[in-house]
Amino acid sequence: MTNELENIVELIRADAERECSEISAKASDDCKLIKAEYSKKEQEEYWKLVNDGTKVAQQRLDSLSNLATTESRKQMASMQQEMANEAFELAVKTLLDLADSDFAILLRKLSLPADTDAKSVVMQHKGKLNSKVISFLFD
């Protein structure tokens, strides 16, 4: 009977070991599936972060590019205005440096249209013209 009991115990032990192996194999397979699933989710999250970061960087680049373009245009306009002011000041200086007779000849050559009041055109710049030139033209 001891032999029979030992056989029964041995069968139970073998059966338990087989069940433990099956449970361990299933748990190992489940772990591999879970690991693969999370690895896939990890990759998806990684690429989402990379793509989002790339979009944000592109938006910042576009914004900075637009800002640089705007600043460039503002500086260009400022320089153009400065050049126009300098050209006007040079023209006024040149006109003021003309002899009275040369200035009168220039005005005749420019001959404003009949409906334009020459005095009002010149008077707009009265502060920049000397009184001698103004009295020469209109007296």
Protein backbone atom coordinates (compact mmCIF):
# COMPACT_ATOMS: atom_id res chain seq x y z
CA MET A 1 0.00 0.00 0.00
CA THR A 2 2.91 2.31 0.61
CA ASN A 3 3.84 1.79 -2.94
CA GLU A 4 0.42 2.70 -4.09
CA LEU A 5 0.43 5.79 -1.93
CA GLU A 6 3.82 6.75 -3.29
CA ASN A 7 2.52 6.26 -6.82
CA ILE A 8 -0.52 8.40 -6.10
CA VAL A 9 1.64 11.11 -4.51
CA GLU A 10 4.01 10.90 -7.49
CA LEU A 11 1.08 11.27 -9.90
CA ILE A 12 -0.26 14.23 -7.94
CA ARG A 13 3.20 15.80 -7.88
CA ALA A 14 3.66 15.25 -11.64
CA ASP A 15 0.21 16.61 -12.31
CA ALA A 16 0.93 19.69 -10.12
CA GLU A 17 4.29 20.25 -11.86
CA ARG A 18 2.60 19.99 -15.26
CA GLU A 19 -0.10 22.47 -14.16
CA CYS A 20 2.57 24.83 -12.77
CA SER A 21 4.47 24.63 -16.07
CA GLU A 22 1.29 25.35 -18.02
CA ILE A 23 0.43 28.32 -15.76
CA SER A 24 4.02 29.62 -16.02
CA ALA A 25 4.00 29.27 -19.83
CA LYS A 26 0.63 31.03 -20.08
CA ALA A 27 1.82 33.81 -17.74
CA SER A 28 4.99 34.15 -19.82
CA ASP A 29 2.90 34.39 -23.02
CA ASP A 30 0.59 36.93 -21.37
CA CYS A 31 3.62 38.99 -20.27
CA LYS A 32 5.02 38.91 -23.81
CA LEU A 33 1.65 40.11 -25.20
CA ILE A 34 1.38 42.89 -22.61
CA LYS A 35 4.99 43.92 -23.22
CA ALA A 36 4.41 44.00 -27.00
CA GLU A 37 1.21 46.02 -26.55
CA TYR A 38 2.91 48.60 -24.32
CA SER A 39 5.94 48.70 -26.59
CA LYS A 40 3.62 49.56 -29.48
CA LYS A 41 1.87 52.22 -27.36
CA GLU A 42 5.27 53.58 -26.33
CA GLN A 43 6.32 53.92 -29.98
CA GLU A 44 3.03 55.59 -30.88
CA GLU A 45 3.41 58.07 -28.01
CA TYR A 46 7.06 58.71 -28.97
CA TRP A 47 6.17 59.51 -32.60
CA LYS A 48 3.21 61.62 -31.49
CA LEU A 49 5.55 63.69 -29.30
CA VAL A 50 8.11 63.95 -32.11
CA ASN A 51 5.46 65.04 -34.63
CA ASP A 52 3.87 67.51 -32.20
CA GLY A 53 7.30 68.94 -31.39
CA THR A 54 8.09 69.24 -35.09
CA LYS A 55 4.81 71.08 -35.70
CA VAL A 56 5.47 73.48 -32.81
CA ALA A 57 9.02 74.10 -34.04
CA GLN A 58 7.72 74.78 -37.57
CA GLN A 59 5.10 77.18 -36.20
CA ARG A 60 7.79 79.02 -34.23
CA LEU A 61 10.01 79.14 -37.31
CA ASP A 62 7.16 80.51 -39.42
CA SER A 63 6.34 83.09 -36.75
CA LEU A 64 9.96 84.22 -36.48
CA SER A 65 10.24 84.31 -40.26
CA ASN A 66 7.14 86.50 -40.48
CA LEU A 67 8.48 88.74 -37.73
CA ALA A 68 11.83 89.07 -39.54
CA THR A 69 10.05 89.88 -42.81
CA THR A 70 7.93 92.53 -41.07
CA GLU A 71 10.97 94.07 -39.39
CA SER A 72 12.83 94.05 -42.68
CA ARG A 73 9.94 95.83 -44.39
CA LYS A 74 9.75 98.39 -41.59
CA GLN A 75 13.46 99.09 -41.83
CA MET A 76 13.23 99.35 -45.61
CA ALA A 77 10.34 101.81 -45.35
CA SER A 78 12.24 103.81 -42.74
CA MET A 79 15.33 103.94 -44.92
CA GLN A 80 13.26 104.95 -47.95
CA GLN A 81 11.63 107.71 -45.91
CA GLU A 82 15.02 108.87 -44.68
CA MET A 83 16.38 108.91 -48.23
CA ALA A 84 13.32 110.82 -49.46
CA ASN A 85 13.76 113.37 -46.64
CA GLU A 86 17.43 113.79 -47.46
CA ALA A 87 16.64 114.15 -51.17
CA PHE A 88 13.99 116.77 -50.37
CA GLU A 89 16.37 118.66 -48.08
CA LEU A 90 19.05 118.56 -50.78
CA ALA A 91 16.55 119.80 -53.37
CA VAL A 92 15.46 122.65 -51.11
CA LYS A 93 19.11 123.54 -50.40
CA THR A 94 19.89 123.44 -54.10
CA LEU A 95 16.90 125.68 -54.85
CA LEU A 96 17.89 128.08 -52.09
CA ASP A 97 21.42 128.23 -53.43
CA LEU A 98 20.18 129.18 -56.91
CA ALA A 99 20.53 132.75 -57.96
CA ASP A 100 17.20 134.58 -58.00
CA SER A 101 17.16 134.73 -61.79
CA ASP A 102 17.93 131.00 -62.10
CA PHE A 103 15.16 130.20 -59.60
CA ALA A 104 12.67 132.27 -61.59
CA ILE A 105 13.71 130.50 -64.79
CA LEU A 106 13.29 127.14 -63.10
CA LEU A 107 9.79 128.05 -61.93
CA ARG A 108 8.82 129.18 -65.41
CA LYS A 109 10.15 125.94 -66.88
CA LEU A 110 8.19 123.92 -64.39
CA SER A 111 5.15 126.09 -65.09
CA LEU A 112 2.43 124.87 -62.84
CA PRO A 113 -0.96 124.18 -64.44
CA ALA A 114 -3.18 127.25 -64.74
CA ASP A 115 -5.54 126.11 -61.98
CA THR A 116 -2.69 125.69 -59.45
CA ASP A 117 -1.89 128.60 -57.22
CA ALA A 118 1.93 128.84 -57.33
CA LYS A 119 1.95 130.94 -54.22
CA SER A 120 0.18 128.26 -52.17
CA VAL A 121 2.62 125.61 -53.40
CA VAL A 122 5.60 127.74 -52.43
CA MET A 123 4.03 128.91 -49.18
CA GLN A 124 3.70 125.31 -48.01
CA HIS A 125 7.48 125.33 -47.79
CA LYS A 126 7.79 128.93 -46.62
CA GLY A 127 9.76 127.94 -43.54
CA LYS A 128 12.37 126.32 -45.76
CA LEU A 129 12.58 129.15 -48.30
CA ASN A 130 14.20 132.45 -47.51
CA SER A 131 12.17 135.62 -47.61
CA LYS A 132 14.26 137.02 -50.47
CA VAL A 133 13.14 134.21 -52.79
CA ILE A 134 9.49 134.53 -51.75
CA SER A 135 9.47 138.31 -52.25
CA PHE A 136 11.20 137.90 -55.61
CA LEU A 137 8.49 135.49 -56.78
CA PHE A 138 5.41 137.27 -55.55
CA ASP A 139 6.21 140.97 -55.27
